[in-house]
Amino acid sequence: MSWNGKHNEKSELLKVQSFDFLESDTLIQEIEADYEFIRNKLATKGFTALTGKDGKWIQARTKGAGHGSTSRAFYARKGLIKEIIKL
């Protein structure tokens, strides 16, 4: 997609490309490790222990309007997006 400004009502699809992660790839193993670390931290230390600093490739951050939010979602870090784009 191309970004044409904050208030532009249309966008243009530039390219569609598929990619596959092999289970043996280091990247997918590190993403799985991030997920398991965050999941285990939630299970053992509780919801309030989660921070945006957890994880190399993914992180659990507040979902929606930040401050005071009681929900979390997994987000890809900028470095992961760069890795995916260069595949």
N, C-alpha and C. Protein backbone atom coordinates (compact mmCIF):
# COMPACT_ATOMS: atom_id res chain seq x y z
N MET A 1 0.84 -1.16 0.00
CA MET A 1 0.00 0.00 0.00
C MET A 1 0.89 1.23 0.00
N SER A 2 0.42 2.26 -0.57
CA SER A 2 1.13 3.52 -0.48
C SER A 2 0.33 4.44 0.45
N TRP A 3 1.05 5.22 1.23
CA TRP A 3 0.40 6.14 2.16
C TRP A 3 0.37 7.50 1.52
N ASN A 4 -0.83 8.06 1.42
CA ASN A 4 -1.01 9.33 0.72
C ASN A 4 -1.42 10.46 1.64
N GLY A 5 -1.11 10.36 2.89
CA GLY A 5 -1.44 11.41 3.85
C GLY A 5 -2.51 10.99 4.83
N LYS A 6 -2.54 11.66 5.95
CA LYS A 6 -3.42 11.30 7.06
C LYS A 6 -4.89 11.36 6.70
N HIS A 7 -5.32 12.32 5.93
CA HIS A 7 -6.74 12.50 5.67
C HIS A 7 -7.16 12.07 4.26
N ASN A 8 -6.27 11.39 3.55
CA ASN A 8 -6.59 10.92 2.21
C ASN A 8 -7.55 9.73 2.32
N GLU A 9 -8.59 9.70 1.55
CA GLU A 9 -9.60 8.65 1.63
C GLU A 9 -9.30 7.43 0.78
N LYS A 10 -8.26 7.47 -0.02
CA LYS A 10 -7.96 6.30 -0.85
C LYS A 10 -6.48 5.93 -0.73
N SER A 11 -6.19 4.69 -1.05
CA SER A 11 -4.82 4.20 -1.07
C SER A 11 -4.65 3.32 -2.29
N GLU A 12 -3.43 3.02 -2.61
CA GLU A 12 -3.13 2.25 -3.82
C GLU A 12 -2.31 1.02 -3.43
N LEU A 13 -2.77 -0.16 -3.85
CA LEU A 13 -2.04 -1.39 -3.62
C LEU A 13 -0.89 -1.46 -4.61
N LEU A 14 0.33 -1.53 -4.10
CA LEU A 14 1.50 -1.52 -4.97
C LEU A 14 1.97 -2.92 -5.35
N LYS A 15 1.91 -3.85 -4.39
CA LYS A 15 2.44 -5.18 -4.67
C LYS A 15 1.91 -6.17 -3.63
N VAL A 16 1.66 -7.39 -4.07
CA VAL A 16 1.30 -8.47 -3.16
C VAL A 16 2.35 -9.54 -3.32
N GLN A 17 2.91 -9.98 -2.20
CA GLN A 17 3.95 -11.00 -2.26
C GLN A 17 3.80 -11.91 -1.07
N SER A 18 3.88 -13.20 -1.28
CA SER A 18 3.79 -14.13 -0.16
C SER A 18 5.19 -14.46 0.34
N PHE A 19 5.25 -14.91 1.56
CA PHE A 19 6.51 -15.35 2.13
C PHE A 19 6.21 -16.47 3.10
N ASP A 20 7.16 -17.35 3.29
CA ASP A 20 7.00 -18.47 4.20
C ASP A 20 8.15 -18.48 5.20
N PHE A 21 7.83 -18.80 6.43
CA PHE A 21 8.85 -19.03 7.43
C PHE A 21 9.04 -20.54 7.55
N LEU A 22 10.26 -20.99 7.50
CA LEU A 22 10.52 -22.40 7.77
C LEU A 22 10.64 -22.57 9.28
N GLU A 23 10.09 -23.65 9.80
CA GLU A 23 10.14 -23.85 11.24
C GLU A 23 11.57 -23.95 11.76
N SER A 24 12.51 -24.28 10.88
CA SER A 24 13.90 -24.40 11.29
C SER A 24 14.64 -23.05 11.26
N ASP A 25 14.02 -22.02 10.69
CA ASP A 25 14.67 -20.70 10.62
C ASP A 25 14.85 -20.11 12.01
N THR A 26 15.96 -19.46 12.21
CA THR A 26 16.24 -18.81 13.48
C THR A 26 15.18 -17.76 13.80
N LEU A 27 14.75 -16.99 12.81
CA LEU A 27 13.78 -15.92 13.05
C LEU A 27 12.49 -16.46 13.64
N ILE A 28 11.93 -17.51 13.06
CA ILE A 28 10.66 -18.05 13.56
C ILE A 28 10.85 -18.65 14.95
N GLN A 29 12.00 -19.23 15.21
CA GLN A 29 12.28 -19.78 16.54
C GLN A 29 12.36 -18.66 17.58
N GLU A 30 12.96 -17.53 17.21
CA GLU A 30 13.05 -16.40 18.13
C GLU A 30 11.67 -15.76 18.37
N ILE A 31 10.83 -15.71 17.33
CA ILE A 31 9.47 -15.19 17.50
C ILE A 31 8.69 -16.10 18.45
N GLU A 32 8.82 -17.40 18.26
CA GLU A 32 8.15 -18.36 19.16
C GLU A 32 8.65 -18.19 20.59
N ALA A 33 9.96 -17.98 20.76
CA ALA A 33 10.53 -17.79 22.10
C ALA A 33 9.96 -16.53 22.74
N ASP A 34 9.84 -15.45 21.98
CA ASP A 34 9.21 -14.22 22.49
C ASP A 34 7.79 -14.50 22.97
N TYR A 35 7.03 -15.17 22.13
CA TYR A 35 5.63 -15.48 22.46
C TYR A 35 5.55 -16.31 23.74
N GLU A 36 6.37 -17.36 23.83
CA GLU A 36 6.34 -18.23 25.00
C GLU A 36 6.80 -17.48 26.25
N PHE A 37 7.80 -16.61 26.12
CA PHE A 37 8.28 -15.83 27.26
C PHE A 37 7.16 -14.93 27.79
N ILE A 38 6.49 -14.22 26.89
CA ILE A 38 5.42 -13.31 27.29
C ILE A 38 4.25 -14.10 27.87
N ARG A 39 3.90 -15.21 27.25
CA ARG A 39 2.80 -16.05 27.74
C ARG A 39 3.11 -16.59 29.14
N ASN A 40 4.35 -17.05 29.34
CA ASN A 40 4.76 -17.58 30.64
C ASN A 40 4.78 -16.47 31.70
N LYS A 41 5.27 -15.30 31.32
CA LYS A 41 5.31 -14.17 32.25
C LYS A 41 3.89 -13.80 32.70
N LEU A 42 2.97 -13.80 31.77
CA LEU A 42 1.57 -13.52 32.10
C LEU A 42 1.02 -14.56 33.07
N ALA A 43 1.31 -15.83 32.79
CA ALA A 43 0.78 -16.92 33.62
C ALA A 43 1.40 -16.95 35.02
N THR A 44 2.67 -16.59 35.13
CA THR A 44 3.35 -16.71 36.42
C THR A 44 3.39 -15.42 37.23
N LYS A 45 3.44 -14.27 36.55
CA LYS A 45 3.59 -13.00 37.27
C LYS A 45 2.37 -12.10 37.16
N GLY A 46 1.48 -12.43 36.24
CA GLY A 46 0.26 -11.65 36.12
C GLY A 46 0.30 -10.57 35.05
N PHE A 47 -0.87 -10.08 34.78
CA PHE A 47 -1.10 -9.10 33.72
C PHE A 47 -0.28 -7.82 33.88
N THR A 48 -0.18 -7.34 35.10
CA THR A 48 0.51 -6.06 35.33
C THR A 48 2.02 -6.17 35.14
N ALA A 49 2.57 -7.38 35.09
CA ALA A 49 4.00 -7.56 34.89
C ALA A 49 4.42 -7.38 33.43
N LEU A 50 3.47 -7.46 32.51
CA LEU A 50 3.80 -7.31 31.09
C LEU A 50 4.23 -5.88 30.78
N THR A 51 5.28 -5.76 29.98
CA THR A 51 5.73 -4.44 29.54
C THR A 51 6.05 -4.48 28.06
N GLY A 52 6.13 -3.33 27.44
CA GLY A 52 6.49 -3.23 26.03
C GLY A 52 7.94 -3.58 25.76
N LYS A 53 8.73 -3.75 26.82
CA LYS A 53 10.15 -4.10 26.67
C LYS A 53 10.36 -5.60 26.48
N ASP A 54 9.35 -6.40 26.80
CA ASP A 54 9.46 -7.85 26.67
C ASP A 54 9.50 -8.25 25.19
N GLY A 55 10.40 -9.14 24.85
CA GLY A 55 10.45 -9.69 23.49
C GLY A 55 11.39 -8.95 22.56
N LYS A 56 12.10 -9.72 21.74
CA LYS A 56 13.01 -9.16 20.73
C LYS A 56 12.26 -8.76 19.46
N TRP A 57 11.34 -9.64 19.00
CA TRP A 57 10.63 -9.42 17.74
C TRP A 57 9.18 -9.01 17.92
N ILE A 58 8.55 -9.49 18.99
CA ILE A 58 7.16 -9.12 19.26
C ILE A 58 7.08 -8.60 20.68
N GLN A 59 6.01 -7.87 20.97
CA GLN A 59 5.81 -7.34 22.31
C GLN A 59 4.33 -7.33 22.63
N ALA A 60 4.03 -7.40 23.91
CA ALA A 60 2.64 -7.26 24.38
C ALA A 60 2.49 -5.82 24.85
N ARG A 61 1.66 -5.06 24.15
CA ARG A 61 1.45 -3.65 24.50
C ARG A 61 -0.02 -3.42 24.78
N THR A 62 -0.29 -2.24 25.34
CA THR A 62 -1.68 -1.90 25.55
C THR A 62 -2.41 -1.89 24.22
N LYS A 63 -3.61 -2.36 24.27
CA LYS A 63 -4.45 -2.42 23.07
C LYS A 63 -5.38 -1.22 23.10
N GLY A 64 -5.38 -0.48 22.04
CA GLY A 64 -6.26 0.68 22.00
C GLY A 64 -5.60 1.91 22.59
N ALA A 65 -6.40 2.71 23.27
CA ALA A 65 -5.95 4.02 23.75
C ALA A 65 -5.09 3.92 25.01
N GLY A 66 -3.90 3.46 24.89
CA GLY A 66 -2.84 3.45 25.89
C GLY A 66 -3.14 3.57 27.36
N HIS A 67 -2.76 4.66 27.96
CA HIS A 67 -2.71 4.86 29.41
C HIS A 67 -3.97 4.38 30.13
N GLY A 68 -3.75 3.47 31.08
CA GLY A 68 -4.87 2.96 31.87
C GLY A 68 -5.61 1.80 31.23
N SER A 69 -5.25 1.43 30.02
CA SER A 69 -5.94 0.33 29.34
C SER A 69 -5.66 -0.98 30.06
N THR A 70 -6.65 -1.81 30.15
CA THR A 70 -6.48 -3.10 30.82
C THR A 70 -6.46 -4.26 29.82
N SER A 71 -6.21 -3.97 28.57
CA SER A 71 -6.11 -5.04 27.57
C SER A 71 -4.76 -4.96 26.89
N ARG A 72 -4.29 -6.10 26.43
CA ARG A 72 -3.01 -6.17 25.74
C ARG A 72 -3.19 -6.91 24.41
N ALA A 73 -2.30 -6.61 23.48
CA ALA A 73 -2.27 -7.30 22.19
C ALA A 73 -0.82 -7.51 21.80
N PHE A 74 -0.57 -8.49 20.97
CA PHE A 74 0.79 -8.71 20.46
C PHE A 74 1.02 -7.80 19.27
N TYR A 75 2.16 -7.16 19.26
CA TYR A 75 2.55 -6.28 18.15
C TYR A 75 3.91 -6.70 17.63
N ALA A 76 4.10 -6.57 16.33
CA ALA A 76 5.41 -6.82 15.74
C ALA A 76 6.27 -5.57 15.94
N ARG A 77 7.49 -5.77 16.35
CA ARG A 77 8.42 -4.65 16.48
C ARG A 77 8.87 -4.21 15.08
N LYS A 78 9.36 -2.99 15.00
CA LYS A 78 9.81 -2.43 13.72
C LYS A 78 10.87 -3.32 13.07
N GLY A 79 11.76 -3.87 13.86
CA GLY A 79 12.81 -4.74 13.33
C GLY A 79 12.26 -5.99 12.66
N LEU A 80 11.17 -6.53 13.19
CA LEU A 80 10.54 -7.71 12.58
C LEU A 80 9.93 -7.35 11.24
N ILE A 81 9.27 -6.22 11.18
CA ILE A 81 8.69 -5.78 9.90
C ILE A 81 9.79 -5.61 8.86
N LYS A 82 10.91 -5.03 9.25
CA LYS A 82 12.03 -4.87 8.31
C LYS A 82 12.54 -6.22 7.83
N GLU A 83 12.63 -7.20 8.74
CA GLU A 83 13.06 -8.55 8.36
C GLU A 83 12.09 -9.18 7.37
N ILE A 84 10.82 -9.04 7.61
CA ILE A 84 9.80 -9.62 6.73
C ILE A 84 9.84 -8.97 5.36
N ILE A 85 9.98 -7.66 5.31
CA ILE A 85 9.99 -6.94 4.04
C ILE A 85 11.19 -7.33 3.19
N LYS A 86 12.33 -7.60 3.81
CA LYS A 86 13.52 -7.93 3.01
C LYS A 86 13.57 -9.38 2.58
N LEU A 87 12.61 -10.23 3.08
CA LEU A 87 12.59 -11.63 2.66
C LEU A 87 12.37 -11.77 1.18
